[in-house]
Amino acid sequence: MLEKITKVAREKEIEKLQSLTKKAFYDTAEEIINDPIYTLKDSFWPSINDPLHQELCLVIENCLQILKSGFNSQAFEDDDFVDIF
């Protein structure tokens, strides 16, 4: 019984991490994307692509560290998290 409760609570916390991470990333991505577009630079794609890629890699790396250290996740759980993200 306790094991099932722990498992359900763990899954809910991972879902919260997923949700909060998505929201934070979308907010950051919006900031990265909007400035070059609003200033109408001809070369806005490179100025968007590099920072956005760096941010995405950083977010995924940090989430995987949280999953492994905080939730003692297994590889398939890490893969699922990244796929959903």
C-alpha atoms as a PDB file:
ATOM      1  CA  MET A   1       0.000   0.000   0.000  1.00  0.00           C
ATOM      2  CA  LEU A   2       2.722   2.472   0.983  1.00  0.00           C
ATOM      3  CA  GLU A   3       4.720   1.548  -2.117  1.00  0.00           C
ATOM      4  CA  LYS A   4       1.730   2.319  -4.354  1.00  0.00           C
ATOM      5  CA  ILE A   5       1.133   5.660  -2.631  1.00  0.00           C
ATOM      6  CA  THR A   6       4.806   6.544  -3.042  1.00  0.00           C
ATOM      7  CA  LYS A   7       4.731   5.566  -6.710  1.00  0.00           C
ATOM      8  CA  VAL A   8       1.631   7.684  -7.402  1.00  0.00           C
ATOM      9  CA  ALA A   9       3.096  10.680  -5.543  1.00  0.00           C
ATOM     10  CA  ARG A  10       6.371  10.303  -7.447  1.00  0.00           C
ATOM     11  CA  GLU A  11       4.550  10.213 -10.793  1.00  0.00           C
ATOM     12  CA  LYS A  12       2.568  13.332  -9.866  1.00  0.00           C
ATOM     13  CA  GLU A  13       5.760  15.186  -8.928  1.00  0.00           C
ATOM     14  CA  ILE A  14       7.369  14.200 -12.226  1.00  0.00           C
ATOM     15  CA  GLU A  15       4.267  15.464 -14.067  1.00  0.00           C
ATOM     16  CA  LYS A  16       4.502  18.762 -12.162  1.00  0.00           C
ATOM     17  CA  LEU A  17       8.170  19.057 -13.106  1.00  0.00           C
ATOM     18  CA  GLN A  18       7.209  18.423 -16.743  1.00  0.00           C
ATOM     19  CA  SER A  19       4.479  21.056 -16.664  1.00  0.00           C
ATOM     20  CA  LEU A  20       6.506  23.728 -14.879  1.00  0.00           C
ATOM     21  CA  THR A  21       9.506  23.096 -17.114  1.00  0.00           C
ATOM     22  CA  LYS A  22       7.423  23.472 -20.259  1.00  0.00           C
ATOM     23  CA  LYS A  23       5.908  26.738 -19.055  1.00  0.00           C
ATOM     24  CA  ALA A  24       9.279  28.178 -18.065  1.00  0.00           C
ATOM     25  CA  PHE A  25      10.830  27.102 -21.360  1.00  0.00           C
ATOM     26  CA  TYR A  26       7.978  28.581 -23.406  1.00  0.00           C
ATOM     27  CA  ASP A  27       8.329  31.888 -21.557  1.00  0.00           C
ATOM     28  CA  THR A  28      12.081  31.950 -22.155  1.00  0.00           C
ATOM     29  CA  ALA A  29      11.679  30.872 -25.784  1.00  0.00           C
ATOM     30  CA  GLU A  30       9.190  33.674 -26.331  1.00  0.00           C
ATOM     31  CA  GLU A  31      11.712  36.212 -25.049  1.00  0.00           C
ATOM     32  CA  ILE A  32      14.479  34.759 -27.238  1.00  0.00           C
ATOM     33  CA  ILE A  33      12.284  34.757 -30.340  1.00  0.00           C
ATOM     34  CA  ASN A  34      10.381  38.022 -29.993  1.00  0.00           C
ATOM     35  CA  ASP A  35      13.237  40.500 -29.712  1.00  0.00           C
ATOM     36  CA  PRO A  36      14.922  39.732 -33.062  1.00  0.00           C
ATOM     37  CA  ILE A  37      11.552  39.581 -34.818  1.00  0.00           C
ATOM     38  CA  TYR A  38      10.289  42.857 -33.360  1.00  0.00           C
ATOM     39  CA  THR A  39      13.471  44.644 -34.351  1.00  0.00           C
ATOM     40  CA  LEU A  40      13.029  43.211 -37.867  1.00  0.00           C
ATOM     41  CA  LYS A  41      16.602  42.139 -38.291  1.00  0.00           C
ATOM     42  CA  ASP A  42      17.243  40.376 -41.594  1.00  0.00           C
ATOM     43  CA  SER A  43      19.310  37.759 -39.817  1.00  0.00           C
ATOM     44  CA  PHE A  44      16.849  36.938 -37.056  1.00  0.00           C
ATOM     45  CA  TRP A  45      16.990  33.140 -37.555  1.00  0.00           C
ATOM     46  CA  PRO A  46      20.605  32.721 -36.429  1.00  0.00           C
ATOM     47  CA  SER A  47      20.023  35.069 -33.517  1.00  0.00           C
ATOM     48  CA  ILE A  48      17.031  32.946 -32.482  1.00  0.00           C
ATOM     49  CA  ASN A  49      18.284  29.459 -33.286  1.00  0.00           C
ATOM     50  CA  ASP A  50      21.533  29.438 -31.295  1.00  0.00           C
ATOM     51  CA  PRO A  51      20.173  30.843 -28.001  1.00  0.00           C
ATOM     52  CA  LEU A  52      17.031  28.726 -28.275  1.00  0.00           C
ATOM     53  CA  HIS A  53      19.048  25.559 -28.866  1.00  0.00           C
ATOM     54  CA  GLN A  54      21.335  26.374 -25.925  1.00  0.00           C
ATOM     55  CA  GLU A  55      18.354  27.015 -23.647  1.00  0.00           C
ATOM     56  CA  LEU A  56      16.655  23.791 -24.696  1.00  0.00           C
ATOM     57  CA  CYS A  57      19.803  21.744 -24.069  1.00  0.00           C
ATOM     58  CA  LEU A  58      20.307  23.383 -20.675  1.00  0.00           C
ATOM     59  CA  VAL A  59      16.701  22.764 -19.623  1.00  0.00           C
ATOM     60  CA  ILE A  60      16.819  19.107 -20.659  1.00  0.00           C
ATOM     61  CA  GLU A  61      20.162  18.584 -18.941  1.00  0.00           C
ATOM     62  CA  ASN A  62      18.901  20.168 -15.710  1.00  0.00           C
ATOM     63  CA  CYS A  63      15.668  18.162 -15.752  1.00  0.00           C
ATOM     64  CA  LEU A  64      17.546  14.917 -16.278  1.00  0.00           C
ATOM     65  CA  GLN A  65      19.761  15.740 -13.298  1.00  0.00           C
ATOM     66  CA  ILE A  66      16.676  16.444 -11.186  1.00  0.00           C
ATOM     67  CA  LEU A  67      15.038  13.207 -12.299  1.00  0.00           C
ATOM     68  CA  LYS A  68      18.126  11.139 -11.568  1.00  0.00           C
ATOM     69  CA  SER A  69      19.068  12.707  -8.245  1.00  0.00           C
ATOM     70  CA  GLY A  70      15.647  13.653  -6.883  1.00  0.00           C
ATOM     71  CA  PHE A  71      13.504  10.855  -8.253  1.00  0.00           C
ATOM     72  CA  ASN A  72      16.114   8.128  -8.782  1.00  0.00           C
ATOM     73  CA  SER A  73      14.684   7.743 -12.276  1.00  0.00           C
ATOM     74  CA  GLN A  74      15.433   4.946 -14.658  1.00  0.00           C
ATOM     75  CA  ALA A  75      16.611   5.448 -18.245  1.00  0.00           C
ATOM     76  CA  PHE A  76      13.189   4.791 -19.749  1.00  0.00           C
ATOM     77  CA  GLU A  77      11.648   7.439 -17.484  1.00  0.00           C
ATOM     78  CA  ASP A  78      14.281   9.944 -18.559  1.00  0.00           C
ATOM     79  CA  ASP A  79      13.586   9.123 -22.208  1.00  0.00           C
ATOM     80  CA  ASP A  80       9.827   9.484 -21.689  1.00  0.00           C
ATOM     81  CA  PHE A  81      10.297  12.839 -20.004  1.00  0.00           C
ATOM     82  CA  VAL A  82      12.429  14.168 -22.860  1.00  0.00           C
ATOM     83  CA  ASP A  83      10.053  12.763 -25.498  1.00  0.00           C
ATOM     84  CA  ILE A  84       7.056  14.441 -23.868  1.00  0.00           C
ATOM     85  CA  PHE A  85       8.946  17.682 -23.439  1.00  0.00           C
END
